[in-house]
Amino acid sequence: MIFGHSLADNDRHVLRCIAKGNSPYLLVSLFGDPESEANKKVISAASALVEERGPAGGRKKALQVRFYDAASVKLWG
C-alpha cells in the first residue's frame, strides 16, 4: 500500500524495487479529484510500473494497481 507518495522520479530507486518485485497488488492513494494534474501524474507513474513489470510468466506475477481515496483512510485516528 502506498499512502501519500507521488511516485515521482526522485524516488526511482523505490519504484524500481516495486517493478522488479513479485507482489501482485499495489494500492495507491489519490487525494482529491482523480482528474487533477497531480493525481494524473500518480496514475501515469503507477501505470508505468505495471508496464515495467510486464506480463506474468514463470514465477513472476503481473502487477495490478488499485487506487483509493486518501481521505477515506484514518491513519492517525
N, C-alpha and C. Protein backbone atom coordinates (compact mmCIF):
# COMPACT_ATOMS: atom_id res chain seq x y z
N MET A 1 0.84 -1.17 0.00
CA MET A 1 0.00 0.00 0.00
C MET A 1 0.89 1.23 0.00
N ILE A 2 0.55 2.19 -0.83
CA ILE A 2 1.28 3.45 -0.88
C ILE A 2 0.31 4.55 -0.46
N PHE A 3 0.71 5.31 0.54
CA PHE A 3 -0.13 6.40 1.06
C PHE A 3 0.71 7.67 1.09
N GLY A 4 0.22 8.70 0.41
CA GLY A 4 0.89 9.99 0.45
C GLY A 4 2.21 10.04 -0.29
N HIS A 5 2.31 9.34 -1.38
CA HIS A 5 3.54 9.31 -2.16
C HIS A 5 3.19 9.68 -3.60
N SER A 6 4.02 10.49 -4.22
CA SER A 6 3.72 10.97 -5.57
C SER A 6 4.25 10.05 -6.67
N LEU A 7 5.02 9.03 -6.30
CA LEU A 7 5.65 8.13 -7.28
C LEU A 7 6.53 8.91 -8.26
N ALA A 8 7.15 9.96 -7.77
CA ALA A 8 7.98 10.84 -8.61
C ALA A 8 9.33 10.19 -8.92
N ASP A 9 9.96 10.68 -9.98
CA ASP A 9 11.24 10.13 -10.44
C ASP A 9 12.36 10.24 -9.41
N ASN A 10 12.26 11.18 -8.46
CA ASN A 10 13.32 11.29 -7.45
C ASN A 10 13.35 10.07 -6.53
N ASP A 11 12.31 9.26 -6.56
CA ASP A 11 12.28 8.01 -5.79
C ASP A 11 12.34 6.81 -6.73
N ARG A 12 13.02 6.98 -7.83
CA ARG A 12 13.10 5.92 -8.85
C ARG A 12 13.65 4.63 -8.27
N HIS A 13 14.57 4.71 -7.31
CA HIS A 13 15.14 3.50 -6.71
C HIS A 13 14.06 2.67 -6.02
N VAL A 14 13.09 3.32 -5.41
CA VAL A 14 11.98 2.61 -4.76
C VAL A 14 11.04 2.03 -5.83
N LEU A 15 10.76 2.83 -6.84
CA LEU A 15 9.87 2.38 -7.91
C LEU A 15 10.45 1.19 -8.65
N ARG A 16 11.77 1.18 -8.85
CA ARG A 16 12.42 0.02 -9.50
C ARG A 16 12.22 -1.24 -8.68
N CYS A 17 12.32 -1.12 -7.37
CA CYS A 17 12.12 -2.29 -6.49
C CYS A 17 10.70 -2.82 -6.61
N ILE A 18 9.74 -1.93 -6.68
CA ILE A 18 8.34 -2.35 -6.85
C ILE A 18 8.18 -3.07 -8.19
N ALA A 19 8.73 -2.48 -9.25
CA ALA A 19 8.60 -3.08 -10.58
C ALA A 19 9.30 -4.43 -10.67
N LYS A 20 10.44 -4.57 -10.00
CA LYS A 20 11.18 -5.83 -10.06
C LYS A 20 10.65 -6.87 -9.08
N GLY A 21 9.83 -6.45 -8.13
CA GLY A 21 9.32 -7.35 -7.11
C GLY A 21 8.31 -8.34 -7.66
N ASN A 22 7.67 -9.04 -6.75
CA ASN A 22 6.72 -10.07 -7.18
C ASN A 22 5.37 -9.95 -6.48
N SER A 23 5.15 -8.83 -5.79
CA SER A 23 3.84 -8.61 -5.17
C SER A 23 2.82 -8.38 -6.29
N PRO A 24 1.70 -9.08 -6.25
CA PRO A 24 0.75 -8.94 -7.35
C PRO A 24 -0.10 -7.68 -7.29
N TYR A 25 -0.16 -7.02 -6.13
CA TYR A 25 -1.04 -5.86 -5.98
C TYR A 25 -0.29 -4.66 -5.43
N LEU A 26 -0.71 -3.50 -5.90
CA LEU A 26 -0.19 -2.24 -5.38
C LEU A 26 -1.39 -1.32 -5.17
N LEU A 27 -1.60 -0.88 -3.93
CA LEU A 27 -2.66 0.05 -3.61
C LEU A 27 -2.06 1.44 -3.52
N VAL A 28 -2.63 2.38 -4.25
CA VAL A 28 -2.07 3.73 -4.33
C VAL A 28 -3.16 4.75 -3.97
N SER A 29 -2.82 5.65 -3.06
CA SER A 29 -3.79 6.67 -2.66
C SER A 29 -3.80 7.84 -3.62
N LEU A 30 -4.99 8.39 -3.83
CA LEU A 30 -5.18 9.63 -4.58
C LEU A 30 -5.88 10.60 -3.64
N PHE A 31 -5.44 11.84 -3.63
CA PHE A 31 -6.05 12.83 -2.76
C PHE A 31 -6.84 13.83 -3.59
N GLY A 32 -8.11 13.92 -3.33
CA GLY A 32 -8.95 14.86 -4.06
C GLY A 32 -9.40 14.31 -5.40
N ASP A 33 -9.59 15.21 -6.33
CA ASP A 33 -10.12 14.89 -7.65
C ASP A 33 -9.17 13.99 -8.42
N PRO A 34 -9.63 12.79 -8.80
CA PRO A 34 -8.75 11.90 -9.58
C PRO A 34 -8.31 12.51 -10.91
N GLU A 35 -9.04 13.52 -11.39
CA GLU A 35 -8.70 14.16 -12.65
C GLU A 35 -7.74 15.35 -12.48
N SER A 36 -7.32 15.62 -11.24
CA SER A 36 -6.37 16.72 -11.04
C SER A 36 -5.04 16.37 -11.68
N GLU A 37 -4.25 17.38 -12.00
CA GLU A 37 -2.95 17.14 -12.63
C GLU A 37 -2.05 16.29 -11.75
N ALA A 38 -2.05 16.55 -10.45
CA ALA A 38 -1.19 15.77 -9.53
C ALA A 38 -1.60 14.30 -9.54
N ASN A 39 -2.89 14.04 -9.49
CA ASN A 39 -3.35 12.65 -9.48
C ASN A 39 -3.15 11.97 -10.83
N LYS A 40 -3.26 12.71 -11.90
CA LYS A 40 -2.99 12.15 -13.23
C LYS A 40 -1.53 11.69 -13.32
N LYS A 41 -0.62 12.45 -12.70
CA LYS A 41 0.79 12.06 -12.69
C LYS A 41 1.00 10.78 -11.88
N VAL A 42 0.32 10.66 -10.75
CA VAL A 42 0.42 9.46 -9.92
C VAL A 42 -0.12 8.25 -10.69
N ILE A 43 -1.26 8.43 -11.32
CA ILE A 43 -1.87 7.34 -12.10
C ILE A 43 -0.95 6.91 -13.24
N SER A 44 -0.37 7.89 -13.91
CA SER A 44 0.56 7.60 -15.01
C SER A 44 1.79 6.85 -14.50
N ALA A 45 2.34 7.28 -13.37
CA ALA A 45 3.53 6.62 -12.81
C ALA A 45 3.20 5.20 -12.39
N ALA A 46 2.03 4.98 -11.82
CA ALA A 46 1.62 3.63 -11.42
C ALA A 46 1.44 2.75 -12.65
N SER A 47 0.86 3.30 -13.69
CA SER A 47 0.68 2.54 -14.93
C SER A 47 2.03 2.18 -15.54
N ALA A 48 3.00 3.06 -15.41
CA ALA A 48 4.35 2.78 -15.91
C ALA A 48 4.97 1.61 -15.15
N LEU A 49 4.69 1.51 -13.85
CA LEU A 49 5.20 0.37 -13.07
C LEU A 49 4.62 -0.95 -13.58
N VAL A 50 3.34 -0.92 -13.93
CA VAL A 50 2.69 -2.12 -14.48
C VAL A 50 3.39 -2.53 -15.77
N GLU A 51 3.64 -1.56 -16.62
CA GLU A 51 4.33 -1.84 -17.89
C GLU A 51 5.75 -2.33 -17.65
N GLU A 52 6.44 -1.70 -16.71
CA GLU A 52 7.82 -2.09 -16.42
C GLU A 52 7.88 -3.53 -15.90
N ARG A 53 6.92 -3.90 -15.07
CA ARG A 53 6.88 -5.28 -14.55
C ARG A 53 6.64 -6.26 -15.69
N GLY A 54 5.73 -5.91 -16.60
CA GLY A 54 5.43 -6.77 -17.72
C GLY A 54 4.42 -7.85 -17.36
N PRO A 55 4.16 -8.74 -18.31
CA PRO A 55 3.16 -9.78 -18.09
C PRO A 55 3.66 -10.87 -17.13
N ALA A 56 2.71 -11.59 -16.59
CA ALA A 56 3.06 -12.73 -15.72
C ALA A 56 3.72 -13.81 -16.56
N GLY A 57 4.62 -14.51 -15.92
CA GLY A 57 5.29 -15.60 -16.60
C GLY A 57 6.21 -16.33 -15.63
N GLY A 58 6.19 -17.64 -15.67
CA GLY A 58 7.01 -18.40 -14.73
C GLY A 58 6.56 -18.10 -13.31
N ARG A 59 7.50 -17.69 -12.47
CA ARG A 59 7.17 -17.33 -11.09
C ARG A 59 6.81 -15.86 -10.94
N LYS A 60 7.01 -15.10 -11.99
CA LYS A 60 6.76 -13.67 -11.96
C LYS A 60 5.27 -13.38 -12.09
N LYS A 61 4.78 -12.52 -11.19
CA LYS A 61 3.37 -12.14 -11.20
C LYS A 61 3.21 -10.76 -11.85
N ALA A 62 2.14 -10.60 -12.61
CA ALA A 62 1.83 -9.28 -13.16
C ALA A 62 1.44 -8.36 -12.01
N LEU A 63 1.62 -7.08 -12.19
CA LEU A 63 1.28 -6.10 -11.16
C LEU A 63 -0.08 -5.50 -11.46
N GLN A 64 -0.97 -5.56 -10.49
CA GLN A 64 -2.29 -4.94 -10.60
C GLN A 64 -2.34 -3.76 -9.63
N VAL A 65 -2.69 -2.59 -10.15
CA VAL A 65 -2.75 -1.38 -9.33
C VAL A 65 -4.21 -1.05 -9.06
N ARG A 66 -4.48 -0.73 -7.80
CA ARG A 66 -5.80 -0.27 -7.38
C ARG A 66 -5.61 1.08 -6.69
N PHE A 67 -6.46 2.02 -7.01
CA PHE A 67 -6.40 3.34 -6.41
C PHE A 67 -7.50 3.50 -5.37
N TYR A 68 -7.21 4.29 -4.34
CA TYR A 68 -8.22 4.55 -3.31
C TYR A 68 -8.13 6.01 -2.88
N ASP A 69 -9.20 6.48 -2.28
CA ASP A 69 -9.29 7.85 -1.82
C ASP A 69 -8.51 8.00 -0.51
N ALA A 70 -7.48 8.83 -0.53
CA ALA A 70 -6.63 9.01 0.65
C ALA A 70 -7.43 9.53 1.84
N ALA A 71 -8.47 10.31 1.58
CA ALA A 71 -9.29 10.87 2.66
C ALA A 71 -10.08 9.80 3.39
N SER A 72 -10.23 8.62 2.79
CA SER A 72 -11.02 7.55 3.41
C SER A 72 -10.22 6.78 4.47
N VAL A 73 -8.93 7.03 4.54
CA VAL A 73 -8.07 6.30 5.47
C VAL A 73 -7.88 7.13 6.74
N LYS A 74 -8.08 6.51 7.87
CA LYS A 74 -7.94 7.19 9.16
C LYS A 74 -6.69 6.66 9.86
N LEU A 75 -5.52 7.04 9.33
CA LEU A 75 -4.26 6.52 9.89
C LEU A 75 -3.99 6.98 11.32
N TRP A 76 -4.33 8.21 11.61
CA TRP A 76 -3.99 8.76 12.92
C TRP A 76 -5.23 9.07 13.76
N GLY A 77 -6.28 8.30 13.54
CA GLY A 77 -7.46 8.43 14.38
C GLY A 77 -8.55 9.26 13.87
